[in-house]
Amino acid sequence: RPILTNVSLSLTPGEALAVIGPSASGKSTLCRLLAGVWRPT
């Protein structure tokens, strides 16, 4: 099963976003997708 499902967000230049949640909820996975380390399925 997927770690992340149907996640969307939008940030303009200068904005900051904090992502919080319990362990194993997919925070690190989202960071890897945002950094280009992984590609979304």
PDB file of all heavy atoms in Angstrom:
ATOM      1  N   ARG A   1       0.836  -1.194   0.000  1.00  0.00           N
ATOM      2  CA  ARG A   1       0.000   0.000   0.000  1.00  0.00           C
ATOM      3  C   ARG A   1       0.872   1.245   0.000  1.00  0.00           C
ATOM      4  O   ARG A   1       2.030   1.203   0.420  1.00  0.00           O
ATOM      5  CB  ARG A   1      -0.921   0.008   1.209  1.00  0.00           C
ATOM      6  CG  ARG A   1      -0.202  -0.059   2.545  1.00  0.00           C
ATOM      7  CD  ARG A   1      -1.190  -0.087   3.689  1.00  0.00           C
ATOM      8  NE  ARG A   1      -0.523  -0.121   4.986  1.00  0.00           N
ATOM      9  CZ  ARG A   1      -1.175  -0.075   6.149  1.00  0.00           C
ATOM     10  NH1 ARG A   1      -2.498  -0.026   6.164  1.00  0.00           N
ATOM     11  NH2 ARG A   1      -0.506  -0.081   7.283  1.00  0.00           N
ATOM     12  N   PRO A   2       0.340   2.358  -0.461  1.00  0.00           N
ATOM     13  CA  PRO A   2       1.144   3.582  -0.555  1.00  0.00           C
ATOM     14  C   PRO A   2       1.407   4.201   0.808  1.00  0.00           C
ATOM     15  O   PRO A   2       0.637   4.023   1.762  1.00  0.00           O
ATOM     16  CB  PRO A   2       0.287   4.493  -1.433  1.00  0.00           C
ATOM     17  CG  PRO A   2      -1.107   4.012  -1.246  1.00  0.00           C
ATOM     18  CD  PRO A   2      -1.014   2.537  -1.033  1.00  0.00           C
ATOM     19  N   ILE A   3       2.514   4.948   0.890  1.00  0.00           N
ATOM     20  CA  ILE A   3       2.823   5.711   2.105  1.00  0.00           C
ATOM     21  C   ILE A   3       2.076   7.042   2.084  1.00  0.00           C
ATOM     22  O   ILE A   3       1.555   7.500   3.102  1.00  0.00           O
ATOM     23  CB  ILE A   3       4.341   5.959   2.210  1.00  0.00           C
ATOM     24  CG1 ILE A   3       5.084   4.627   2.324  1.00  0.00           C
ATOM     25  CG2 ILE A   3       4.665   6.838   3.408  1.00  0.00           C
ATOM     26  CD1 ILE A   3       6.589   4.764   2.333  1.00  0.00           C
ATOM     27  N   LEU A   4       1.994   7.671   0.927  1.00  0.00           N
ATOM     28  CA  LEU A   4       1.249   8.915   0.743  1.00  0.00           C
ATOM     29  C   LEU A   4       0.174   8.695  -0.301  1.00  0.00           C
ATOM     30  O   LEU A   4       0.402   7.996  -1.296  1.00  0.00           O
ATOM     31  CB  LEU A   4       2.180  10.042   0.278  1.00  0.00           C
ATOM     32  CG  LEU A   4       3.265  10.521   1.250  1.00  0.00           C
ATOM     33  CD1 LEU A   4       4.113  11.592   0.584  1.00  0.00           C
ATOM     34  CD2 LEU A   4       2.649  11.063   2.535  1.00  0.00           C
ATOM     35  N   THR A   5      -0.974   9.305  -0.096  1.00  0.00           N
ATOM     36  CA  THR A   5      -2.082   9.158  -1.033  1.00  0.00           C
ATOM     37  C   THR A   5      -2.720  10.516  -1.305  1.00  0.00           C
ATOM     38  O   THR A   5      -3.180  11.190  -0.359  1.00  0.00           O
ATOM     39  CB  THR A   5      -3.149   8.193  -0.484  1.00  0.00           C
ATOM     40  OG1 THR A   5      -2.526   6.931  -0.183  1.00  0.00           O
ATOM     41  CG2 THR A   5      -4.259   7.969  -1.502  1.00  0.00           C
ATOM     42  N   ASN A   6      -2.698  10.932  -2.577  1.00  0.00           N
ATOM     43  CA  ASN A   6      -3.422  12.115  -3.043  1.00  0.00           C
ATOM     44  C   ASN A   6      -3.088  13.370  -2.226  1.00  0.00           C
ATOM     45  O   ASN A   6      -3.973  14.087  -1.746  1.00  0.00           O
ATOM     46  CB  ASN A   6      -4.934  11.839  -3.001  1.00  0.00           C
ATOM     47  CG  ASN A   6      -5.702  12.798  -3.891  1.00  0.00           C
ATOM     48  OD1 ASN A   6      -5.183  13.269  -4.901  1.00  0.00           O
ATOM     49  ND2 ASN A   6      -6.941  13.094  -3.516  1.00  0.00           N
ATOM     50  N   VAL A   7      -1.782  13.638  -2.066  1.00  0.00           N
ATOM     51  CA  VAL A   7      -1.331  14.805  -1.302  1.00  0.00           C
ATOM     52  C   VAL A   7      -1.165  15.985  -2.255  1.00  0.00           C
ATOM     53  O   VAL A   7      -0.565  15.858  -3.320  1.00  0.00           O
ATOM     54  CB  VAL A   7      -0.001  14.515  -0.589  1.00  0.00           C
ATOM     55  CG1 VAL A   7       0.532  15.771   0.105  1.00  0.00           C
ATOM     56  CG2 VAL A   7      -0.172  13.388   0.415  1.00  0.00           C
ATOM     57  N   SER A   8      -1.695  17.153  -1.857  1.00  0.00           N
ATOM     58  CA  SER A   8      -1.554  18.368  -2.669  1.00  0.00           C
ATOM     59  C   SER A   8      -1.186  19.533  -1.772  1.00  0.00           C
ATOM     60  O   SER A   8      -1.609  19.606  -0.608  1.00  0.00           O
ATOM     61  CB  SER A   8      -2.862  18.686  -3.409  1.00  0.00           C
ATOM     62  OG  SER A   8      -3.215  17.650  -4.310  1.00  0.00           O
ATOM     63  N   LEU A   9      -0.375  20.450  -2.287  1.00  0.00           N
ATOM     64  CA  LEU A   9      -0.067  21.693  -1.583  1.00  0.00           C
ATOM     65  C   LEU A   9       0.496  22.678  -2.600  1.00  0.00           C
ATOM     66  O   LEU A   9       0.885  22.314  -3.700  1.00  0.00           O
ATOM     67  CB  LEU A   9       0.934  21.448  -0.446  1.00  0.00           C
ATOM     68  CG  LEU A   9       2.324  20.910  -0.802  1.00  0.00           C
ATOM     69  CD1 LEU A   9       3.296  22.044  -1.112  1.00  0.00           C
ATOM     70  CD2 LEU A   9       2.873  20.077   0.358  1.00  0.00           C
ATOM     71  N   SER A  10       0.519  23.938  -2.198  1.00  0.00           N
ATOM     72  CA  SER A  10       1.038  24.984  -3.072  1.00  0.00           C
ATOM     73  C   SER A  10       1.701  26.055  -2.215  1.00  0.00           C
ATOM     74  O   SER A  10       1.115  26.526  -1.233  1.00  0.00           O
ATOM     75  CB  SER A  10      -0.083  25.598  -3.918  1.00  0.00           C
ATOM     76  OG  SER A  10       0.411  26.631  -4.732  1.00  0.00           O
ATOM     77  N   LEU A  11       2.944  26.417  -2.547  1.00  0.00           N
ATOM     78  CA  LEU A  11       3.697  27.428  -1.818  1.00  0.00           C
ATOM     79  C   LEU A  11       4.225  28.459  -2.800  1.00  0.00           C
ATOM     80  O   LEU A  11       4.809  28.108  -3.829  1.00  0.00           O
ATOM     81  CB  LEU A  11       4.875  26.790  -1.075  1.00  0.00           C
ATOM     82  CG  LEU A  11       4.548  25.832   0.081  1.00  0.00           C
ATOM     83  CD1 LEU A  11       5.805  25.133   0.562  1.00  0.00           C
ATOM     84  CD2 LEU A  11       3.893  26.596   1.219  1.00  0.00           C
ATOM     85  N   THR A  12       4.025  29.718  -2.476  1.00  0.00           N
ATOM     86  CA  THR A  12       4.590  30.791  -3.293  1.00  0.00           C
ATOM     87  C   THR A  12       5.939  31.180  -2.712  1.00  0.00           C
ATOM     88  O   THR A  12       6.240  30.884  -1.546  1.00  0.00           O
ATOM     89  CB  THR A  12       3.656  32.003  -3.306  1.00  0.00           C
ATOM     90  OG1 THR A  12       3.464  32.455  -1.956  1.00  0.00           O
ATOM     91  CG2 THR A  12       2.307  31.647  -3.908  1.00  0.00           C
ATOM     92  N   PRO A  13       6.788  31.864  -3.484  1.00  0.00           N
ATOM     93  CA  PRO A  13       8.099  32.277  -2.965  1.00  0.00           C
ATOM     94  C   PRO A  13       7.954  33.105  -1.690  1.00  0.00           C
ATOM     95  O   PRO A  13       7.134  34.019  -1.609  1.00  0.00           O
ATOM     96  CB  PRO A  13       8.681  33.101  -4.109  1.00  0.00           C
ATOM     97  CG  PRO A  13       8.032  32.555  -5.335  1.00  0.00           C
ATOM     98  CD  PRO A  13       6.639  32.194  -4.916  1.00  0.00           C
ATOM     99  N   GLY A  14       8.726  32.741  -0.668  1.00  0.00           N
ATOM    100  CA  GLY A  14       8.681  33.447   0.606  1.00  0.00           C
ATOM    101  C   GLY A  14       7.837  32.762   1.645  1.00  0.00           C
ATOM    102  O   GLY A  14       7.958  33.064   2.840  1.00  0.00           O
ATOM    103  N   GLU A  15       6.950  31.876   1.256  1.00  0.00           N
ATOM    104  CA  GLU A  15       6.119  31.167   2.219  1.00  0.00           C
ATOM    105  C   GLU A  15       6.900  30.024   2.868  1.00  0.00           C
ATOM    106  O   GLU A  15       7.835  29.482   2.282  1.00  0.00           O
ATOM    107  CB  GLU A  15       4.879  30.588   1.536  1.00  0.00           C
ATOM    108  CG  GLU A  15       3.771  31.596   1.266  1.00  0.00           C
ATOM    109  CD  GLU A  15       2.499  30.907   0.812  1.00  0.00           C
ATOM    110  OE1 GLU A  15       2.493  30.347  -0.296  1.00  0.00           O
ATOM    111  OE2 GLU A  15       1.507  30.933   1.582  1.00  0.00           O
ATOM    112  N   ALA A  16       6.494  29.651   4.083  1.00  0.00           N
ATOM    113  CA  ALA A  16       7.094  28.526   4.795  1.00  0.00           C
ATOM    114  C   ALA A  16       5.990  27.581   5.226  1.00  0.00           C
ATOM    115  O   ALA A  16       4.862  28.016   5.529  1.00  0.00           O
ATOM    116  CB  ALA A  16       7.865  29.012   6.020  1.00  0.00           C
ATOM    117  N   LEU A  17       6.294  26.310   5.237  1.00  0.00           N
ATOM    118  CA  LEU A  17       5.303  25.306   5.600  1.00  0.00           C
ATOM    119  C   LEU A  17       5.930  24.317   6.574  1.00  0.00           C
ATOM    120  O   LEU A  17       7.021  23.808   6.323  1.00  0.00           O
ATOM    121  CB  LEU A  17       4.820  24.555   4.346  1.00  0.00           C
ATOM    122  CG  LEU A  17       3.886  23.367   4.594  1.00  0.00           C
ATOM    123  CD1 LEU A  17       2.535  23.832   5.129  1.00  0.00           C
ATOM    124  CD2 LEU A  17       3.703  22.549   3.314  1.00  0.00           C
ATOM    125  N   ALA A  18       5.258  24.051   7.676  1.00  0.00           N
ATOM    126  CA  ALA A  18       5.680  23.025   8.623  1.00  0.00           C
ATOM    127  C   ALA A  18       4.712  21.851   8.526  1.00  0.00           C
ATOM    128  O   ALA A  18       3.495  22.052   8.530  1.00  0.00           O
ATOM    129  CB  ALA A  18       5.692  23.570  10.047  1.00  0.00           C
ATOM    130  N   VAL A  19       5.247  20.658   8.415  1.00  0.00           N
ATOM    131  CA  VAL A  19       4.426  19.454   8.319  1.00  0.00           C
ATOM    132  C   VAL A  19       4.613  18.674   9.609  1.00  0.00           C
ATOM    133  O   VAL A  19       5.739  18.307   9.960  1.00  0.00           O
ATOM    134  CB  VAL A  19       4.837  18.597   7.109  1.00  0.00           C
ATOM    135  CG1 VAL A  19       3.977  17.337   7.043  1.00  0.00           C
ATOM    136  CG2 VAL A  19       4.699  19.397   5.822  1.00  0.00           C
ATOM    137  N   ILE A  20       3.535  18.426  10.331  1.00  0.00           N
ATOM    138  CA  ILE A  20       3.615  17.704  11.592  1.00  0.00           C
ATOM    139  C   ILE A  20       2.726  16.471  11.510  1.00  0.00           C
ATOM    140  O   ILE A  20       1.798  16.404  10.700  1.00  0.00           O
ATOM    141  CB  ILE A  20       3.193  18.578  12.793  1.00  0.00           C
ATOM    142  CG1 ILE A  20       1.755  19.081  12.612  1.00  0.00           C
ATOM    143  CG2 ILE A  20       4.139  19.758  12.949  1.00  0.00           C
ATOM    144  CD1 ILE A  20       1.232  19.855  13.818  1.00  0.00           C
ATOM    145  N   GLY A  21       3.017  15.506  12.329  1.00  0.00           N
ATOM    146  CA  GLY A  21       2.226  14.287  12.335  1.00  0.00           C
ATOM    147  C   GLY A  21       2.949  13.201  13.095  1.00  0.00           C
ATOM    148  O   GLY A  21       4.124  13.347  13.447  1.00  0.00           O
ATOM    149  N   PRO A  22       2.270  12.114  13.387  1.00  0.00           N
ATOM    150  CA  PRO A  22       2.884  11.026  14.144  1.00  0.00           C
ATOM    151  C   PRO A  22       3.973  10.327  13.329  1.00  0.00           C
ATOM    152  O   PRO A  22       4.108  10.533  12.122  1.00  0.00           O
ATOM    153  CB  PRO A  22       1.709  10.087  14.423  1.00  0.00           C
ATOM    154  CG  PRO A  22       0.748  10.349  13.310  1.00  0.00           C
ATOM    155  CD  PRO A  22       0.870  11.806  13.003  1.00  0.00           C
ATOM    156  N   SER A  23       4.728   9.505  14.033  1.00  0.00           N
ATOM    157  CA  SER A  23       5.788   8.746  13.373  1.00  0.00           C
ATOM    158  C   SER A  23       5.193   7.824  12.316  1.00  0.00           C
ATOM    159  O   SER A  23       4.099   7.280  12.496  1.00  0.00           O
ATOM    160  CB  SER A  23       6.557   7.925  14.419  1.00  0.00           C
ATOM    161  OG  SER A  23       7.555   7.154  13.806  1.00  0.00           O
ATOM    162  N   ALA A  24       5.944   7.696  11.200  1.00  0.00           N
ATOM    163  CA  ALA A  24       5.549   6.822  10.082  1.00  0.00           C
ATOM    164  C   ALA A  24       4.297   7.300   9.362  1.00  0.00           C
ATOM    165  O   ALA A  24       3.619   6.520   8.702  1.00  0.00           O
ATOM    166  CB  ALA A  24       5.355   5.391  10.564  1.00  0.00           C
ATOM    167  N   SER A  25       3.994   8.598   9.469  1.00  0.00           N
ATOM    168  CA  SER A  25       2.835   9.131   8.758  1.00  0.00           C
ATOM    169  C   SER A  25       3.185   9.613   7.358  1.00  0.00           C
ATOM    170  O   SER A  25       2.292  10.011   6.607  1.00  0.00           O
ATOM    171  CB  SER A  25       2.208  10.285   9.559  1.00  0.00           C
ATOM    172  OG  SER A  25       3.149  11.345   9.713  1.00  0.00           O
ATOM    173  N   GLY A  26       4.475   9.631   7.008  1.00  0.00           N
ATOM    174  CA  GLY A  26       4.853  10.003   5.653  1.00  0.00           C
ATOM    175  C   GLY A  26       5.530  11.351   5.537  1.00  0.00           C
ATOM    176  O   GLY A  26       5.727  11.849   4.423  1.00  0.00           O
ATOM    177  N   LYS A  27       5.953  11.941   6.668  1.00  0.00           N
ATOM    178  CA  LYS A  27       6.590  13.270   6.610  1.00  0.00           C
ATOM    179  C   LYS A  27       7.915  13.205   5.843  1.00  0.00           C
ATOM    180  O   LYS A  27       8.172  14.025   4.952  1.00  0.00           O
ATOM    181  CB  LYS A  27       6.833  13.802   8.034  1.00  0.00           C
ATOM    182  CG  LYS A  27       5.587  13.927   8.892  1.00  0.00           C
ATOM    183  CD  LYS A  27       5.883  14.561  10.235  1.00  0.00           C
ATOM    184  CE  LYS A  27       6.876  13.741  11.065  1.00  0.00           C
ATOM    185  NZ  LYS A  27       6.357  12.393  11.397  1.00  0.00           N
ATOM    186  N   SER A  28       8.751  12.249   6.191  1.00  0.00           N
ATOM    187  CA  SER A  28      10.052  12.128   5.507  1.00  0.00           C
ATOM    188  C   SER A  28       9.866  11.793   4.032  1.00  0.00           C
ATOM    189  O   SER A  28      10.613  12.276   3.164  1.00  0.00           O
ATOM    190  CB  SER A  28      10.907  11.059   6.176  1.00  0.00           C
ATOM    191  OG  SER A  28      11.187  11.404   7.518  1.00  0.00           O
ATOM    192  N   THR A  29       8.866  10.981   3.731  1.00  0.00           N
ATOM    193  CA  THR A  29       8.595  10.646   2.335  1.00  0.00           C
ATOM    194  C   THR A  29       8.213  11.885   1.550  1.00  0.00           C
ATOM    195  O   THR A  29       8.682  12.091   0.416  1.00  0.00           O
ATOM    196  CB  THR A  29       7.466   9.602   2.258  1.00  0.00           C
ATOM    197  OG1 THR A  29       7.881   8.419   2.946  1.00  0.00           O
ATOM    198  CG2 THR A  29       7.141   9.258   0.810  1.00  0.00           C
ATOM    199  N   LEU A  30       7.373  12.753   2.145  1.00  0.00           N
ATOM    200  CA  LEU A  30       6.995  13.992   1.471  1.00  0.00           C
ATOM    201  C   LEU A  30       8.221  14.877   1.240  1.00  0.00           C
ATOM    202  O   LEU A  30       8.371  15.477   0.165  1.00  0.00           O
ATOM    203  CB  LEU A  30       5.945  14.741   2.311  1.00  0.00           C
ATOM    204  CG  LEU A  30       5.488  16.093   1.749  1.00  0.00           C
ATOM    205  CD1 LEU A  30       4.883  15.926   0.354  1.00  0.00           C
ATOM    206  CD2 LEU A  30       4.492  16.759   2.703  1.00  0.00           C
ATOM    207  N   CYS A  31       9.108  14.932   2.236  1.00  0.00           N
ATOM    208  CA  CYS A  31      10.334  15.726   2.064  1.00  0.00           C
ATOM    209  C   CYS A  31      11.182  15.180   0.918  1.00  0.00           C
ATOM    210  O   CYS A  31      11.746  15.951   0.129  1.00  0.00           O
ATOM    211  CB  CYS A  31      11.147  15.729   3.363  1.00  0.00           C
ATOM    212  SG  CYS A  31      10.432  16.728   4.684  1.00  0.00           S
ATOM    213  N   ARG A  32      11.271  13.875   0.809  1.00  0.00           N
ATOM    214  CA  ARG A  32      12.064  13.277  -0.275  1.00  0.00           C
ATOM    215  C   ARG A  32      11.440  13.576  -1.642  1.00  0.00           C
ATOM    216  O   ARG A  32      12.160  13.798  -2.617  1.00  0.00           O
ATOM    217  CB  ARG A  32      12.194  11.769  -0.062  1.00  0.00           C
ATOM    218  CG  ARG A  32      13.034  11.397   1.165  1.00  0.00           C
ATOM    219  CD  ARG A  32      13.266   9.891   1.245  1.00  0.00           C
ATOM    220  NE  ARG A  32      14.087   9.542   2.405  1.00  0.00           N
ATOM    221  CZ  ARG A  32      13.627   9.053   3.539  1.00  0.00           C
ATOM    222  NH1 ARG A  32      12.325   8.824   3.686  1.00  0.00           N
ATOM    223  NH2 ARG A  32      14.441   8.774   4.543  1.00  0.00           N
ATOM    224  N   LEU A  33      10.115  13.588  -1.692  1.00  0.00           N
ATOM    225  CA  LEU A  33       9.458  13.946  -2.952  1.00  0.00           C
ATOM    226  C   LEU A  33       9.702  15.410  -3.294  1.00  0.00           C
ATOM    227  O   LEU A  33       9.984  15.755  -4.447  1.00  0.00           O
ATOM    228  CB  LEU A  33       7.948  13.677  -2.857  1.00  0.00           C
ATOM    229  CG  LEU A  33       7.506  12.221  -2.705  1.00  0.00           C
ATOM    230  CD1 LEU A  33       5.990  12.141  -2.578  1.00  0.00           C
ATOM    231  CD2 LEU A  33       7.968  11.392  -3.889  1.00  0.00           C
ATOM    232  N   LEU A  34       9.637  16.296  -2.287  1.00  0.00           N
ATOM    233  CA  LEU A  34       9.859  17.722  -2.529  1.00  0.00           C
ATOM    234  C   LEU A  34      11.298  18.005  -2.938  1.00  0.00           C
ATOM    235  O   LEU A  34      11.557  18.963  -3.684  1.00  0.00           O
ATOM    236  CB  LEU A  34       9.514  18.525  -1.263  1.00  0.00           C
ATOM    237  CG  LEU A  34       8.027  18.607  -0.897  1.00  0.00           C
ATOM    238  CD1 LEU A  34       7.848  19.220   0.488  1.00  0.00           C
ATOM    239  CD2 LEU A  34       7.268  19.430  -1.936  1.00  0.00           C
ATOM    240  N   ALA A  35      12.239  17.189  -2.448  1.00  0.00           N
ATOM    241  CA  ALA A  35      13.644  17.393  -2.792  1.00  0.00           C
ATOM    242  C   ALA A  35      14.028  16.717  -4.100  1.00  0.00           C
ATOM    243  O   ALA A  35      15.143  16.901  -4.590  1.00  0.00           O
ATOM    244  CB  ALA A  35      14.536  16.875  -1.658  1.00  0.00           C
ATOM    245  N   GLY A  36      13.121  15.928  -4.656  1.00  0.00           N
ATOM    246  CA  GLY A  36      13.440  15.231  -5.895  1.00  0.00           C
ATOM    247  C   GLY A  36      14.221  13.957  -5.691  1.00  0.00           C
ATOM    248  O   GLY A  36      14.705  13.366  -6.668  1.00  0.00           O
ATOM    249  N   VAL A  37      14.386  13.518  -4.431  1.00  0.00           N
ATOM    250  CA  VAL A  37      15.098  12.269  -4.174  1.00  0.00           C
ATOM    251  C   VAL A  37      14.291  11.090  -4.713  1.00  0.00           C
ATOM    252  O   VAL A  37      14.841  10.164  -5.313  1.00  0.00           O
ATOM    253  CB  VAL A  37      15.350  12.106  -2.662  1.00  0.00           C
ATOM    254  CG1 VAL A  37      15.996  10.761  -2.359  1.00  0.00           C
ATOM    255  CG2 VAL A  37      16.238  13.236  -2.163  1.00  0.00           C
ATOM    256  N   TRP A  38      12.978  11.115  -4.500  1.00  0.00           N
ATOM    257  CA  TRP A  38      12.068  10.114  -5.046  1.00  0.00           C
ATOM    258  C   TRP A  38      11.079  10.789  -5.992  1.00  0.00           C
ATOM    259  O   TRP A  38      10.841  12.001  -5.902  1.00  0.00           O
ATOM    260  CB  TRP A  38      11.289   9.414  -3.927  1.00  0.00           C
ATOM    261  CG  TRP A  38      12.127   8.513  -3.065  1.00  0.00           C
ATOM    262  CD1 TRP A  38      13.359   8.024  -3.332  1.00  0.00           C
ATOM    263  CD2 TRP A  38      11.762   7.993  -1.780  1.00  0.00           C
ATOM    264  NE1 TRP A  38      13.813   7.228  -2.319  1.00  0.00           N
ATOM    265  CE2 TRP A  38      12.850   7.179  -1.339  1.00  0.00           C
ATOM    266  CE3 TRP A  38      10.649   8.103  -0.956  1.00  0.00           C
ATOM    267  CZ2 TRP A  38      12.841   6.505  -0.126  1.00  0.00           C
ATOM    268  CZ3 TRP A  38      10.639   7.426   0.263  1.00  0.00           C
ATOM    269  CH2 TRP A  38      11.717   6.640   0.674  1.00  0.00           C
ATOM    270  N   ARG A  39      10.510  10.014  -6.873  1.00  0.00           N
ATOM    271  CA  ARG A  39       9.465  10.505  -7.760  1.00  0.00           C
ATOM    272  C   ARG A  39       8.125   9.936  -7.306  1.00  0.00           C
ATOM    273  O   ARG A  39       8.046   8.772  -6.907  1.00  0.00           O
ATOM    274  CB  ARG A  39       9.713  10.082  -9.211  1.00  0.00           C
ATOM    275  CG  ARG A  39      10.922  10.731  -9.846  1.00  0.00           C
ATOM    276  CD  ARG A  39      10.999  10.349 -11.311  1.00  0.00           C
ATOM    277  NE  ARG A  39      12.220  10.863 -11.939  1.00  0.00           N
ATOM    278  CZ  ARG A  39      12.522  10.688 -13.220  1.00  0.00           C
ATOM    279  NH1 ARG A  39      11.703  10.013 -14.012  1.00  0.00           N
ATOM    280  NH2 ARG A  39      13.638  11.182 -13.707  1.00  0.00           N
ATOM    281  N   PRO A  40       7.057  10.734  -7.375  1.00  0.00           N
ATOM    282  CA  PRO A  40       5.746  10.201  -6.972  1.00  0.00           C
ATOM    283  C   PRO A  40       5.296   9.093  -7.917  1.00  0.00           C
ATOM    284  O   PRO A  40       5.564   9.127  -9.125  1.00  0.00           O
ATOM    285  CB  PRO A  40       4.830  11.420  -7.050  1.00  0.00           C
ATOM    286  CG  PRO A  40       5.505  12.362  -7.993  1.00  0.00           C
ATOM    287  CD  PRO A  40       6.964  12.134  -7.819  1.00  0.00           C
ATOM    288  N   THR A  41       4.601   8.093  -7.350  1.00  0.00           N
ATOM    289  CA  THR A  41       4.041   7.028  -8.185  1.00  0.00           C
ATOM    290  C   THR A  41       2.943   7.576  -9.077  1.00  0.00           C
ATOM    291  O   THR A  41       2.845   7.231 -10.255  1.00  0.00           O
ATOM    292  CB  THR A  41       3.490   5.905  -7.292  1.00  0.00           C
ATOM    293  OG1 THR A  41       4.506   5.496  -6.359  1.00  0.00           O
ATOM    294  CG2 THR A  41       3.059   4.713  -8.115  1.00  0.00           C
TER     295      THR A  41
END
